[in-house]
Amino acid sequence: MGYEVRPARPADLPGLANIENSGNPMFEEIGIVFPPGPTVIEELIGDAGARIVVAGDPAVGFAAVEELDGAAHLEQISVRGDLTGRGIGAALLAEVMAGAAASGSPGVSLLTYRDVPWNGPWYARHGFAELPAERWGPGIRSYWAAEIEAGLHDLGPRVAMWAPCAQ
């Protein structure tokens, strides 16, 4: 069953935190327990600079993108926990890349767990590579520092990644 990827509508927004939280058990199984606090999507809803796309109606997954250091920055892709492994995340990522290219972005950056199979290795299979620290802009450096402050780096090795947009 396919899930259309489309821009999020206001009615989609209240349910997105539940989608993000539905993936927590997968992380808990490998020893990653996120600190309490708002979800990534809760922090982005209302940010006029954020672009949110969803898969399905009602939404079963979402991707949230902001501009950072003159390029698109993927803040989050989440798919409902019971629907992972069905290509929904890949469809969302394809839309993120297409949207970034259409907006003139040179590529897409992201921060993720280096070794979690559905994080760093998954993005690598989709064309992302580690972004060396000497190529980080001030925005990525600031996000990295905020992640350290929030305790995310205590949960496992993190990595900055980049994929160029097809021109």
Protein backbone atom coordinates (compact mmCIF):
# COMPACT_ATOMS: atom_id res chain seq x y z
CA MET A 1 0.00 0.00 0.00
CA GLY A 2 1.48 3.34 -1.05
CA TYR A 3 1.38 6.51 0.99
CA GLU A 4 1.25 9.80 -0.91
CA VAL A 5 3.91 12.28 0.20
CA ARG A 6 2.53 15.80 0.43
CA PRO A 7 2.98 19.07 2.29
CA ALA A 8 1.65 18.90 5.84
CA ARG A 9 -1.68 20.55 6.46
CA PRO A 10 -2.61 22.22 9.77
CA ALA A 11 -4.81 19.22 10.65
CA ASP A 12 -1.77 16.90 10.35
CA LEU A 13 0.39 18.76 12.86
CA PRO A 14 -1.14 17.64 16.19
CA GLY A 15 -0.51 13.94 15.41
CA LEU A 16 3.12 14.23 14.32
CA ALA A 17 4.62 14.05 17.82
CA ASN A 18 2.88 10.70 18.30
CA ILE A 19 4.50 9.43 15.09
CA GLU A 20 7.91 10.58 16.30
CA ASN A 21 7.40 9.01 19.73
CA SER A 22 6.23 5.72 18.20
CA GLY A 23 9.82 5.01 17.16
CA ASN A 24 11.18 5.28 20.70
CA PRO A 25 10.77 1.55 21.50
CA MET A 26 13.12 0.67 18.60
CA PHE A 27 15.78 2.91 20.12
CA GLU A 28 15.13 1.62 23.63
CA GLU A 29 15.77 -1.94 22.39
CA ILE A 30 19.36 -0.90 21.54
CA GLY A 31 19.89 1.08 24.74
CA ILE A 32 19.04 4.60 23.54
CA VAL A 33 16.51 6.28 25.80
CA PHE A 34 15.85 9.87 24.84
CA PRO A 35 15.76 12.51 27.56
CA PRO A 36 12.36 13.92 28.47
CA GLY A 37 11.24 17.04 26.70
CA PRO A 38 9.51 18.15 23.55
CA THR A 39 9.91 16.13 20.37
CA VAL A 40 11.83 17.55 17.43
CA ILE A 41 8.59 18.12 15.55
CA GLU A 42 6.99 19.91 18.52
CA GLU A 43 9.94 22.30 18.51
CA LEU A 44 9.54 22.93 14.75
CA ILE A 45 5.78 23.35 14.49
CA GLY A 46 5.16 27.06 14.21
CA ASP A 47 8.65 27.78 12.86
CA ALA A 48 7.89 29.74 9.69
CA GLY A 49 11.17 28.56 8.15
CA ALA A 50 10.43 24.86 8.58
CA ARG A 51 9.06 22.77 5.71
CA ILE A 52 7.12 19.70 6.84
CA VAL A 53 5.98 16.97 4.49
CA VAL A 54 3.94 13.93 5.47
CA ALA A 55 3.24 10.51 4.04
CA GLY A 56 -0.36 9.32 4.05
CA ASP A 57 -3.72 10.72 4.94
CA PRO A 58 -3.91 10.47 7.87
CA ALA A 59 -0.16 10.94 8.20
CA VAL A 60 1.92 7.86 9.02
CA GLY A 61 5.29 9.58 8.67
CA PHE A 62 6.84 12.99 8.25
CA ALA A 63 10.02 14.83 7.37
CA ALA A 64 10.94 18.28 8.65
CA VAL A 65 13.51 20.50 6.93
CA GLU A 66 14.97 23.90 7.72
CA GLU A 67 17.57 26.07 6.05
CA LEU A 68 20.95 25.97 7.75
CA ASP A 69 24.25 27.38 6.53
CA GLY A 70 22.75 28.19 3.12
CA ALA A 71 21.46 24.68 2.46
CA ALA A 72 18.59 22.40 3.41
CA HIS A 73 18.98 20.66 6.78
CA LEU A 74 16.91 17.57 7.54
CA GLU A 75 15.82 17.90 11.13
CA GLN A 76 13.83 14.71 11.36
CA ILE A 77 12.31 11.83 9.46
CA SER A 78 9.89 9.72 11.45
CA VAL A 79 7.66 6.86 10.39
CA ARG A 80 5.07 5.27 12.62
CA GLY A 81 6.82 2.46 14.49
CA ASP A 82 4.55 -0.29 13.20
CA LEU A 83 5.15 0.74 9.56
CA THR A 84 8.94 0.91 9.39
CA GLY A 85 10.76 -0.95 6.64
CA ARG A 86 8.09 -0.33 4.01
CA GLY A 87 9.78 2.44 2.02
CA ILE A 88 7.88 5.30 3.64
CA GLY A 89 11.05 6.91 4.99
CA ALA A 90 12.72 6.57 1.58
CA ALA A 91 9.75 8.28 -0.08
CA LEU A 92 9.92 11.10 2.45
CA LEU A 93 13.67 11.45 1.91
CA ALA A 94 13.19 11.55 -1.87
CA GLU A 95 10.73 14.41 -1.42
CA VAL A 96 13.16 16.23 0.88
CA MET A 97 15.92 15.92 -1.73
CA ALA A 98 13.61 17.02 -4.56
CA GLY A 99 12.38 19.99 -2.55
CA ALA A 100 15.92 21.00 -1.66
CA ALA A 101 16.99 20.82 -5.31
CA ALA A 102 13.93 22.80 -6.43
CA SER A 103 14.74 25.53 -3.92
CA GLY A 104 18.31 25.80 -5.21
CA SER A 105 19.97 24.19 -2.21
CA PRO A 106 23.37 22.66 -3.00
CA GLY A 107 22.54 19.68 -0.79
CA VAL A 108 21.02 18.42 2.43
CA SER A 109 22.75 18.11 5.80
CA LEU A 110 21.63 16.18 8.85
CA LEU A 111 22.83 15.02 12.27
CA THR A 112 22.15 11.44 13.28
CA TYR A 113 23.43 8.41 15.17
CA ARG A 114 26.44 7.01 13.33
CA ASP A 115 25.87 3.31 14.04
CA VAL A 116 22.11 2.88 14.51
CA PRO A 117 21.07 0.81 11.45
CA TRP A 118 18.07 3.00 10.59
CA ASN A 119 20.11 6.18 11.06
CA GLY A 120 23.69 6.63 9.78
CA PRO A 121 23.90 3.43 7.70
CA TRP A 122 20.42 4.01 6.25
CA TYR A 123 21.31 7.54 5.17
CA ALA A 124 24.59 6.27 3.68
CA ARG A 125 22.62 3.82 1.54
CA HIS A 126 20.62 6.82 0.31
CA GLY A 127 23.63 8.84 -0.82
CA PHE A 128 24.72 10.64 2.35
CA ALA A 129 28.33 10.70 3.51
CA GLU A 130 29.99 11.96 6.65
CA LEU A 131 30.53 15.71 6.55
CA PRO A 132 34.01 16.44 7.94
CA ALA A 133 34.03 18.97 10.78
CA GLU A 134 36.22 21.36 8.79
CA ARG A 135 33.30 21.74 6.33
CA TRP A 136 30.70 22.52 8.99
CA GLY A 137 29.15 25.97 8.94
CA PRO A 138 28.24 27.90 12.07
CA GLY A 139 24.69 26.50 12.01
CA ILE A 140 25.79 22.87 12.13
CA ARG A 141 28.34 23.73 14.83
CA SER A 142 25.57 25.34 16.86
CA TYR A 143 23.22 22.37 16.39
CA TRP A 144 26.04 19.97 17.34
CA ALA A 145 26.71 21.93 20.54
CA ALA A 146 22.99 21.95 21.38
CA GLU A 147 22.86 18.17 20.93
CA ILE A 148 25.78 17.77 23.32
CA GLU A 149 24.04 20.03 25.83
CA ALA A 150 20.80 18.02 25.47
CA GLY A 151 22.67 14.78 26.20
CA LEU A 152 22.16 13.14 22.79
CA HIS A 153 25.88 12.44 22.39
CA ASP A 154 25.88 10.51 25.66
CA LEU A 155 23.51 7.98 24.05
CA GLY A 156 25.79 6.97 21.18
CA PRO A 157 28.18 8.33 18.55
CA ARG A 158 26.67 11.09 16.43
CA VAL A 159 27.65 12.13 12.93
CA ALA A 160 27.01 15.07 10.59
CA MET A 161 26.14 13.91 7.07
CA TRP A 162 25.65 15.55 3.68
CA ALA A 163 24.20 14.60 0.32
CA PRO A 164 24.47 16.86 -2.71
CA CYS A 165 21.35 17.73 -4.66
CA ALA A 166 21.14 16.52 -8.22
CA GLN A 167 21.44 19.56 -10.45
